[in-house]
Protein backbone atom coordinates (compact mmCIF):
# COMPACT_ATOMS: atom_id res chain seq x y z
CA MET A 1 -10.17 18.66 -22.92
CA ASN A 2 -13.41 17.23 -22.55
CA ALA A 3 -15.22 16.99 -19.29
CA GLN A 4 -14.45 13.82 -17.35
CA GLN A 5 -12.01 12.75 -20.15
CA THR A 6 -9.95 9.64 -18.72
CA LEU A 7 -6.21 9.02 -19.42
CA ASN A 8 -3.41 7.58 -18.13
CA SER A 9 -0.59 10.13 -17.32
CA ALA A 10 1.84 9.06 -20.24
CA LYS A 11 -1.19 9.63 -23.01
CA LEU A 12 -2.10 12.73 -21.29
CA LEU A 13 1.28 14.31 -21.73
CA GLN A 14 1.63 13.03 -25.21
CA GLN A 15 -1.56 14.41 -26.13
CA LEU A 16 -0.70 17.78 -24.46
CA GLU A 17 2.70 17.76 -26.36
CA SER A 18 0.91 17.21 -29.67
CA LYS A 19 -1.73 19.71 -28.85
CA LYS A 20 -4.33 17.33 -29.24
CA ILE A 21 -5.53 18.32 -25.90
CA GLN A 22 -5.03 21.71 -24.82
CA LEU A 23 -5.52 22.96 -21.24
CA THR A 24 -7.07 26.20 -20.31
CA ALA A 25 -7.36 28.37 -17.15
CA ARG A 26 -10.80 26.58 -16.55
CA SER A 27 -9.33 23.05 -16.70
CA VAL A 28 -8.90 20.94 -13.73
CA VAL A 29 -6.45 17.65 -14.11
CA ILE A 30 -7.14 14.97 -11.27
CA VAL A 31 -4.44 12.56 -10.98
CA ASP A 32 -5.44 9.56 -9.23
CA GLU A 33 -2.88 7.45 -7.58
CA ALA A 34 -0.49 10.44 -7.68
CA GLY A 35 2.42 8.67 -5.53
CA MET A 36 2.94 6.42 -8.75
CA MET A 37 4.39 9.43 -10.85
CA ASP A 38 7.89 9.98 -11.14
CA THR A 39 9.66 13.20 -11.18
CA GLU A 40 9.94 13.72 -14.97
CA THR A 41 6.10 13.05 -15.11
CA TYR A 42 5.30 15.49 -12.33
CA TYR A 43 7.49 18.25 -13.95
CA ASN A 44 6.09 17.92 -17.42
CA LEU A 45 2.25 18.21 -15.99
CA ILE A 46 3.08 20.89 -13.75
CA LYS A 47 4.85 22.75 -16.67
CA HIS A 48 1.70 22.34 -18.98
CA ALA A 49 -0.65 23.22 -16.25
CA ASN A 50 1.35 26.40 -15.11
CA GLU A 51 1.74 27.69 -18.87
CA SER A 52 -2.23 27.26 -19.23
CA GLY A 53 -3.30 28.49 -15.87
CA ALA A 54 -5.10 25.08 -15.21
CA LYS A 55 -5.35 23.31 -11.79
CA ILE A 56 -4.21 19.95 -10.77
CA ILE A 57 -5.63 17.92 -7.77
CA LEU A 58 -3.41 15.09 -6.58
CA SER A 59 -5.15 12.06 -5.00
CA GLY A 60 -3.15 9.21 -3.39
CA GLU A 61 -1.55 7.73 -0.44
CA ARG A 62 2.38 7.80 0.48
CA GLU A 63 1.87 4.38 1.95
CA GLN A 64 0.91 2.84 -1.42
CA LEU A 65 3.41 2.24 -4.25
CA SER A 66 5.56 5.01 -5.11
CA SER A 67 6.96 5.39 -8.83
CA VAL A 68 9.30 3.10 -10.31
CA GLY A 69 11.55 6.00 -11.29
CA PHE A 70 12.74 8.92 -9.05
CA GLY A 71 9.90 10.12 -7.07
CA GLY A 72 8.42 10.60 -3.64
CA HIS A 73 6.93 13.79 -4.44
CA LEU A 74 3.41 13.24 -3.28
CA SER A 75 4.70 12.45 0.17
CA THR A 76 6.80 15.61 0.30
CA ILE A 77 3.83 17.70 -0.94
CA GLY A 78 2.01 16.35 1.87
CA ASP A 79 4.40 17.23 4.59
CA ARG A 80 4.90 20.65 3.08
CA PHE A 81 1.57 22.08 2.18
CA ASN A 82 -1.89 21.75 3.73
CA THR A 83 -3.96 18.77 2.32
CA ALA A 84 -7.57 17.49 2.75
CA LYS A 85 -7.07 14.07 4.32
CA VAL A 86 -9.49 10.86 3.90
CA LYS A 87 -9.76 9.37 6.93
CA ASP A 88 -12.59 6.73 6.42
CA ILE A 89 -11.87 3.37 4.67
CA ASN A 90 -14.96 2.57 2.47
CA ARG A 91 -13.62 -0.04 0.54
CA GLN A 92 -13.86 -2.97 3.09
CA LYS A 93 -17.41 -3.93 4.38
CA GLU A 94 -16.59 -5.19 8.09
CA GLN A 95 -14.97 -2.95 10.55
CA ALA A 96 -12.59 -5.39 11.46
CA GLU A 97 -11.27 -5.63 8.12
CA ARG A 98 -11.17 -1.87 8.03
CA GLU A 99 -8.95 -1.60 11.18
CA MET A 100 -6.86 -4.73 9.81
CA VAL A 101 -6.23 -2.46 6.71
CA GLU A 102 -5.42 0.70 8.93
CA ASP A 103 -2.76 -0.97 10.69
CA PHE A 104 -0.84 -2.17 7.50
CA ALA A 105 -1.18 1.75 6.41
CA SER A 106 -0.11 3.05 10.05
CA GLY A 107 2.99 0.33 10.14
CA ARG A 108 1.37 -2.10 12.50
CA SER A 109 1.64 -4.57 10.06
CA GLN A 110 2.32 -7.56 12.50
CA LYS A 111 -0.96 -6.80 14.27
CA SER A 112 -2.49 -7.27 10.61
CA VAL A 113 -1.05 -10.47 10.11
CA LYS A 114 -1.83 -12.05 13.61
CA TYR A 115 -5.70 -10.83 12.86
CA LEU A 116 -5.97 -12.69 9.60
CA TYR A 117 -3.85 -15.94 11.27
CA GLU A 118 -6.45 -16.18 14.00
CA GLN A 119 -9.23 -15.55 10.92
CA GLY A 120 -7.77 -18.80 9.37
CA ARG A 121 -6.58 -16.63 6.53
CA VAL A 122 -2.87 -17.29 6.58
CA ILE A 123 -2.19 -20.17 4.56
CA ILE A 124 1.14 -22.15 5.03
CA THR A 125 2.36 -25.01 3.20
CA ASP A 126 5.89 -26.77 3.30
CA THR A 127 6.92 -25.67 -0.41
CA THR A 128 6.33 -22.59 -2.98
CA LYS A 129 5.01 -25.34 -5.39
CA GLN A 130 2.55 -26.69 -2.65
CA ARG A 131 1.51 -23.09 -2.05
CA VAL A 132 0.66 -22.39 -5.80
CA GLU A 133 -1.44 -25.42 -5.76
CA LYS A 134 -3.27 -24.45 -2.66
CA LEU A 135 -3.88 -21.11 -3.89
CA VAL A 136 -5.42 -22.42 -7.12
CA ASP A 137 -7.79 -24.87 -5.05
CA ASP A 138 -9.03 -22.03 -2.96
CA TYR A 139 -9.48 -19.88 -5.93
CA PHE A 140 -11.59 -22.30 -7.85
CA ALA A 141 -13.62 -23.05 -4.29
CA SER A 142 -14.54 -19.51 -3.98
CA THR A 143 -18.11 -18.82 -4.77
CA HIS A 144 -17.21 -15.53 -6.03
CA ALA A 145 -17.32 -14.79 -9.85
CA MET A 146 -13.73 -14.64 -11.58
CA LYS A 147 -14.56 -11.06 -12.25
CA ASP A 148 -14.85 -10.38 -8.57
CA LYS A 149 -11.74 -11.57 -7.06
CA ILE A 150 -8.06 -11.25 -7.67
CA VAL A 151 -4.80 -13.00 -7.28
CA ILE A 152 -1.58 -10.63 -6.32
CA ALA A 153 2.05 -11.34 -6.08
CA ALA A 154 5.04 -9.23 -6.31
CA THR A 155 7.29 -10.88 -8.79
CA ASN A 156 6.78 -11.67 -12.72
CA ASP A 157 7.96 -15.08 -11.91
CA ASP A 158 5.32 -15.96 -9.56
CA VAL A 159 2.51 -14.34 -11.58
CA GLU A 160 3.38 -16.46 -14.46
CA ALA A 161 3.64 -19.64 -12.18
CA LEU A 162 0.29 -18.74 -10.50
CA ASN A 163 -1.44 -18.04 -14.36
CA ASP A 164 -0.23 -21.38 -15.64
CA GLY A 165 -1.84 -23.06 -12.71
CA ILE A 166 -5.29 -21.26 -12.91
CA ARG A 167 -5.15 -22.02 -16.71
CA ASP A 168 -4.38 -25.66 -16.10
CA ARG A 169 -7.33 -25.83 -14.08
CA LEU A 170 -9.48 -24.01 -16.35
CA LYS A 171 -8.65 -26.52 -19.02
CA ALA A 172 -9.42 -29.95 -16.79
CA GLN A 173 -12.77 -28.18 -16.21
CA GLY A 174 -13.03 -27.79 -20.06
CA LYS A 175 -13.80 -23.91 -19.76
CA LEU A 176 -10.62 -23.64 -21.79
CA SER A 177 -10.59 -26.02 -24.89
CA GLY A 178 -9.59 -25.98 -28.50
CA GLU A 179 -6.80 -24.51 -30.61
CA GLU A 180 -4.11 -22.23 -28.87
CA VAL A 181 -1.98 -19.63 -30.34
CA THR A 182 1.71 -19.14 -28.69
CA VAL A 183 2.35 -15.34 -28.36
CA THR A 184 5.83 -14.07 -27.58
CA GLY A 185 5.76 -11.21 -24.90
CA ARG A 186 7.81 -7.96 -25.15
CA ASP A 187 9.11 -9.23 -21.75
CA GLY A 188 10.38 -12.68 -23.57
CA PHE A 189 8.03 -14.96 -22.15
CA GLN A 190 6.09 -17.30 -24.51
CA ARG A 191 2.52 -17.50 -23.55
CA ASP A 192 -0.24 -19.85 -24.96
CA PHE A 193 -3.53 -18.28 -25.25
CA ALA A 194 -6.81 -20.10 -26.10
CA LEU A 195 -10.47 -18.63 -26.83
CA GLY A 196 -11.91 -17.51 -23.61
CA ASP A 197 -8.52 -16.52 -22.16
CA LYS A 198 -8.56 -13.69 -19.98
CA ILE A 199 -5.73 -11.00 -20.83
CA ILE A 200 -4.24 -7.80 -19.62
CA ILE A 201 -2.23 -5.13 -21.90
CA THR A 202 1.13 -4.41 -20.13
CA LYS A 203 2.32 -1.42 -21.92
CA ASN A 204 0.61 1.04 -24.19
CA THR A 205 0.38 -0.18 -27.31
CA LYS A 206 -1.79 -0.45 -30.60
CA SER A 207 -3.68 -2.97 -32.17
CA ASP A 208 -2.80 -4.66 -35.39
CA ASP A 209 -6.00 -3.52 -37.18
CA LEU A 210 -5.89 -1.64 -40.68
CA ALA A 211 -7.27 1.40 -38.31
CA GLU A 212 -4.85 0.94 -35.36
CA ALA A 213 -6.58 1.14 -32.04
CA ALA A 214 -4.86 2.37 -29.01
CA LEU A 215 -4.75 0.01 -25.86
CA ASP A 216 -3.93 1.38 -22.52
CA ASN A 217 -1.54 -0.30 -20.10
CA SER A 218 -3.20 -2.35 -17.50
CA GLN A 219 -6.51 -2.73 -19.95
CA GLY A 220 -8.12 -6.09 -19.87
CA GLY A 221 -10.07 -8.01 -22.32
CA GLU A 222 -10.87 -11.68 -23.61
CA VAL A 223 -9.54 -13.66 -26.35
CA ILE A 224 -12.60 -14.21 -28.72
CA GLU A 225 -11.57 -15.25 -32.18
CA PHE A 226 -8.82 -16.62 -34.12
CA ARG A 227 -7.82 -15.87 -37.97
CA LYS A 228 -5.82 -18.49 -40.20
CA GLY A 229 -3.45 -18.00 -42.80
CA GLN A 230 -3.43 -20.30 -45.85
CA ARG A 231 -1.53 -23.02 -44.39
CA GLY A 232 -4.07 -23.18 -41.30
CA GLN A 233 -1.77 -21.79 -38.98
CA ILE A 234 -3.15 -18.99 -36.62
CA THR A 235 -1.81 -15.74 -37.81
CA SER A 236 -4.02 -13.23 -35.45
CA PHE A 237 -6.39 -13.21 -32.80
CA LYS A 238 -9.20 -10.72 -31.64
CA LEU A 239 -9.80 -9.58 -28.40
CA LYS A 240 -12.76 -8.27 -26.89
CA MET A 241 -11.58 -5.34 -24.18
CA ASP A 242 -13.33 -4.58 -21.01
CA ASP A 243 -14.65 -1.58 -22.74
CA ASN A 244 -16.24 -3.49 -25.41
CA LYS A 245 -14.00 -2.40 -27.98
CA GLU A 246 -12.84 -5.58 -30.49
CA VAL A 247 -9.44 -5.40 -31.96
CA TRP A 248 -7.11 -7.51 -33.69
CA MET A 249 -3.48 -8.48 -32.91
CA SER A 250 -0.89 -10.18 -34.68
CA ALA A 251 0.41 -13.56 -33.54
CA THR A 252 3.59 -13.40 -35.41
CA LYS A 253 4.93 -10.60 -33.50
CA GLU A 254 5.89 -9.60 -30.07
CA GLN A 255 3.00 -7.94 -28.19
CA ASN A 256 2.49 -6.47 -24.74
CA ILE A 257 0.08 -9.06 -23.20
CA ARG A 258 -0.08 -11.47 -20.66
CA HIS A 259 -2.96 -13.71 -18.95
CA ALA A 260 -4.77 -11.92 -16.37
CA TYR A 261 -5.74 -14.29 -13.77
CA ALA A 262 -3.00 -13.23 -11.42
CA VAL A 263 -1.53 -9.73 -11.53
CA THR A 264 1.51 -7.98 -10.05
CA VAL A 265 1.13 -5.60 -7.00
CA HIS A 266 1.63 -2.80 -9.43
CA LYS A 267 -1.18 -3.93 -11.68
CA SER A 268 -3.46 -4.26 -8.71
CA GLN A 269 -3.23 -0.64 -7.44
CA GLY A 270 -6.45 1.05 -7.96
CA GLN A 271 -8.77 -2.15 -8.25
CA THR A 272 -11.37 -3.25 -5.86
CA LYS A 273 -12.63 -6.97 -5.88
CA GLU A 274 -14.54 -9.03 -3.44
CA GLU A 275 -11.91 -11.31 -2.61
CA THR A 276 -8.05 -11.17 -2.79
CA PHE A 277 -5.54 -14.13 -2.79
CA TYR A 278 -2.11 -12.68 -1.82
CA PHE A 279 0.64 -14.86 -2.81
CA VAL A 280 3.48 -13.47 -0.61
CA SER A 281 6.70 -13.34 -2.49
CA SER A 282 10.04 -13.80 -0.59
CA ASN A 283 11.55 -10.66 -2.00
CA ILE A 284 9.06 -8.24 -0.81
CA ASN A 285 11.05 -5.10 0.17
CA SER A 286 8.75 -2.52 1.38
CA LEU A 287 5.70 -2.67 3.32
CA ASN A 288 4.14 -0.38 0.72
CA GLN A 289 3.40 -3.67 -1.57
CA ALA A 290 2.02 -5.47 1.29
CA TYR A 291 -0.37 -2.64 2.08
CA VAL A 292 -1.41 -2.25 -1.55
CA ALA A 293 -2.14 -6.05 -1.95
CA CYS A 294 -3.95 -6.23 1.48
CA SER A 295 -6.42 -3.47 0.59
CA ARG A 296 -7.94 -4.61 -2.91
CA HIS A 297 -10.56 -6.72 -1.32
CA THR A 298 -14.00 -5.70 -0.05
CA ARG A 299 -14.96 -8.80 2.02
CA LYS A 300 -12.14 -11.41 2.04
CA LEU A 301 -8.26 -11.48 2.01
CA THR A 302 -6.15 -14.62 2.27
CA LEU A 303 -2.42 -14.61 2.49
CA PHE A 304 -0.51 -17.72 1.17
CA LEU A 305 2.85 -18.65 2.83
CA SER A 306 5.59 -21.52 2.64
CA LYS A 307 7.90 -22.64 5.15
CA ASP A 308 10.72 -22.10 2.27
CA MET A 309 9.61 -18.61 1.68
CA VAL A 310 9.69 -17.82 5.19
CA GLU A 311 13.07 -19.48 5.62
CA ILE A 312 14.62 -17.13 2.46
CA MET A 313 12.97 -14.12 4.15
CA ALA A 314 14.57 -14.50 7.40
CA GLU A 315 18.22 -15.26 6.01
CA LYS A 316 17.66 -11.69 4.50
CA MET A 317 17.33 -10.59 8.17
CA ASP A 318 20.62 -11.65 9.10
CA ASN A 319 22.23 -8.09 9.60
CA LYS A 320 18.80 -7.00 11.51
CA ALA A 321 18.29 -6.51 15.05
CA PRO A 322 15.65 -8.86 16.45
CA THR A 323 12.17 -7.29 17.14
CA ALA A 324 11.15 -6.19 20.82
CA GLN A 325 8.73 -9.22 20.76
CA GLN A 326 11.23 -11.75 19.86
CA ILE A 327 13.65 -10.39 22.67
CA LYS A 328 10.72 -10.77 25.13
CA VAL A 329 9.75 -14.40 24.34
CA ALA A 330 13.56 -15.39 24.41
CA GLU A 331 13.88 -13.83 27.79
CA TRP A 332 10.78 -15.75 28.87
CA VAL A 333 12.20 -18.98 27.33
CA ALA A 334 15.54 -18.31 28.80
CA LYS A 335 13.88 -17.95 32.45
CA LYS A 336 12.09 -21.28 31.77
CA SER A 337 15.14 -22.84 30.51
CA GLY A 338 17.18 -21.46 33.48
CA ILE A 339 19.86 -20.07 31.53
CA GLU A 340 21.51 -16.88 30.71
CA LEU A 341 20.18 -15.33 27.48
CA PRO A 342 23.18 -15.22 25.34
CA GLU A 343 23.97 -11.41 24.30
CA ASP A 344 24.06 -12.20 20.78
CA VAL A 345 20.31 -13.18 21.02
CA ARG A 346 19.65 -9.71 21.90
CA THR A 347 21.30 -8.12 19.06
CA SER A 348 21.21 -10.43 15.91
CA PHE A 349 17.72 -11.14 14.32
CA MET A 350 18.81 -14.82 13.01
CA ALA A 351 20.61 -15.53 16.49
CA CYS A 352 17.45 -14.72 18.51
CA ARG A 353 15.51 -16.79 15.92
CA ASN A 354 17.56 -19.64 15.98
CA PHE A 355 17.52 -19.80 19.85
CA LEU A 356 13.57 -19.57 20.05
CA ASN A 357 13.75 -22.44 17.35
CA GLU A 358 15.75 -24.74 19.39
CA LYS A 359 14.65 -24.03 23.07
CA TYR A 360 10.95 -22.99 22.22
CA GLU A 361 9.85 -26.55 21.38
CA LYS A 362 11.60 -28.14 24.48
CA ILE A 363 9.32 -25.82 26.89
CA GLU A 364 5.82 -26.03 25.05
CA GLY A 365 5.96 -29.39 23.49
CA SER A 366 5.75 -27.87 19.92
CA ALA A 367 7.69 -26.00 17.45
CA ARG A 368 7.13 -22.35 16.69
CA SER A 369 4.82 -21.99 13.89
CA PRO A 370 6.27 -20.52 10.45
CA VAL A 371 3.76 -17.50 10.71
CA ASP A 372 5.58 -16.61 14.08
CA ASP A 373 8.79 -16.10 11.83
CA PHE A 374 6.73 -14.28 9.39
CA ILE A 375 5.25 -11.81 12.01
CA SER A 376 8.65 -11.16 13.16
CA ILE A 377 9.98 -10.14 9.75
CA VAL A 378 7.16 -8.10 9.05
CA GLU A 379 7.51 -6.52 12.52
CA SER A 380 11.12 -5.73 11.68
CA MET A 381 9.98 -4.31 8.30
CA SER A 382 7.64 -2.22 10.18
CA LYS A 383 10.69 -0.25 12.03
CA ALA A 384 11.83 0.90 8.52
CA GLN A 385 8.30 1.41 7.46
CA PHE A 386 7.57 2.34 3.81
CA LYS A 387 10.02 2.77 1.00
CA LYS A 388 12.57 5.42 1.48
CA THR A 389 12.96 8.27 -1.04
CA SER A 390 15.67 10.92 -1.51
CA PHE A 391 13.41 13.34 0.08
CA ASP A 392 13.75 11.10 3.39
CA TYR A 393 17.32 11.90 3.79
CA GLU A 394 19.16 14.97 5.18
CA ILE A 395 22.39 16.39 3.90
CA LEU A 396 25.23 15.17 5.84
CA ASP A 397 27.80 17.53 4.88
CA GLY A 398 28.41 20.87 3.02
CA LYS A 399 30.26 18.93 0.26
CA HIS A 400 27.13 16.98 -0.77
CA ARG A 401 23.93 17.50 -2.15
CA ASN A 402 20.64 15.08 -1.84
CA THR A 403 19.63 13.72 -5.42
CA TYR A 404 16.48 15.84 -5.27
CA GLU A 405 18.54 19.21 -5.08
CA ALA A 406 20.82 17.80 -7.62
CA ALA A 407 17.74 16.90 -10.16
CA ARG A 408 16.21 20.10 -9.33
CA LEU A 409 19.37 22.24 -10.31
CA TYR A 410 19.66 19.98 -13.25
CA GLN A 411 16.21 20.64 -14.49
CA ALA A 412 16.62 24.45 -13.94
CA GLN A 413 19.91 24.46 -16.25
CA MET A 414 17.66 22.57 -18.82
CA ASP A 415 15.08 25.05 -18.84
CA ILE A 416 17.46 28.02 -19.22
CA ASN A 417 18.90 26.10 -22.10
CA ASP A 418 15.42 25.84 -23.67
CA LYS A 419 14.83 29.45 -23.35
CA LEU A 420 18.16 30.09 -24.81
CA LYS A 421 17.50 28.13 -28.01
CA LYS A 422 13.99 29.58 -28.47
CA GLN A 423 15.63 33.15 -28.34
CA ILE A 424 18.33 32.13 -30.88
CA LYS A 425 15.77 30.74 -32.90
CA VAL A 426 13.65 33.87 -33.00
CA GLN A 427 16.80 36.18 -33.67
CA MET A 428 17.76 33.78 -36.53
CA LYS A 429 14.38 33.87 -38.15
CA PRO A 430 14.12 35.91 -41.36
CA THR A 431 12.35 39.12 -41.55
CA ALA A 432 10.51 40.81 -44.41
CA ASN A 433 12.47 44.27 -45.77
CA THR A 434 10.72 47.29 -43.96
CA THR A 435 11.23 50.90 -44.11
CA ILE A 436 11.64 52.53 -40.74
CA THR A 437 11.18 56.16 -40.31
CA GLY A 438 12.07 58.21 -37.08
CA LEU A 439 9.88 60.96 -35.72
CA ASN A 440 11.09 64.79 -36.72
CA MET A 441 12.03 66.52 -33.45
């Protein structure tokens, strides 16, 4: 393996299996964003390291995104072994921004949201459609170059809406013009691409050149040329990738490609930009997502909310308990109103929320802001903190094993089966006739 060679984990394992890359006892494999590797990837990589004597260095944060498949290994390794901890945050330029990110990482996300709101960087619209429009307005009003800013959302649907909004504005400004080609993505979406469009590869793939070129997942590029058939229709398009490699892609087959003006939280992990526009999705299910999205910037982060989105999030809290701050405000409101605080207000998030929305305005003369609801939701999420894995649960009785133990035993049996197969092959291998003579005693 060459010094300082960089590959994603899937490609590295593929090349290790095919012997194109061979580790030795002098090899060191540094895994960045190690929390995103799943169980199978960990197992295969460690297996190759053990067989060759190579060393593995894992780098990452348990608070950031975990693997899509079974995982949680980085967190568990950190709990069970000595680790070198990186305590200083260097990405953010200002101390206040570093403290805000640290609060997100430490489960104090409600404090982070309050800070951003006080700085005027929590934008609240009535509807999601208005929220998209406002984000697009602010994106183009920003003085940072396009390469220095990023739009992040959690869901593919939100990313598509934001990409469409930004492309429409680019067309209106004359920065995207001329012919377009419609390409069907492997995800089922049909997207139009014009010359100058920014793109991102969504899965490891190959170009359609005669000499195929490998394109890595999350690699970015730009559409720079079209090629037409005899009838004048666009049959392929050329991309100039961020590493300056130029490749041709067919326009007549499905491709792992989408626009790159807005990206998912997963695609943003590892990136650093001057400014981040975070379109908060109503289905956010863990603080890992919020922490990653809110720590990509060096200078400025803005959150975009809408009242309808907050309402959807609040409805999902129906079976949750209210936060300590909610109860504290509810007790104050009840005292000011000269009434007893209903018992369900102390036990139900929605009951407490409805009580505050009904009574608060009568005392203060103004309705509670949607950001108050959002902060309460985030504070409630902070109690659960970050996404759980099978490592976080104890065995409840002697009859059940946790999923990690089951996976470990299964893999051990698979290893035994592999060894048996190899032994059988060796025994069945034909050998040349030989004469064996014994020693005279």
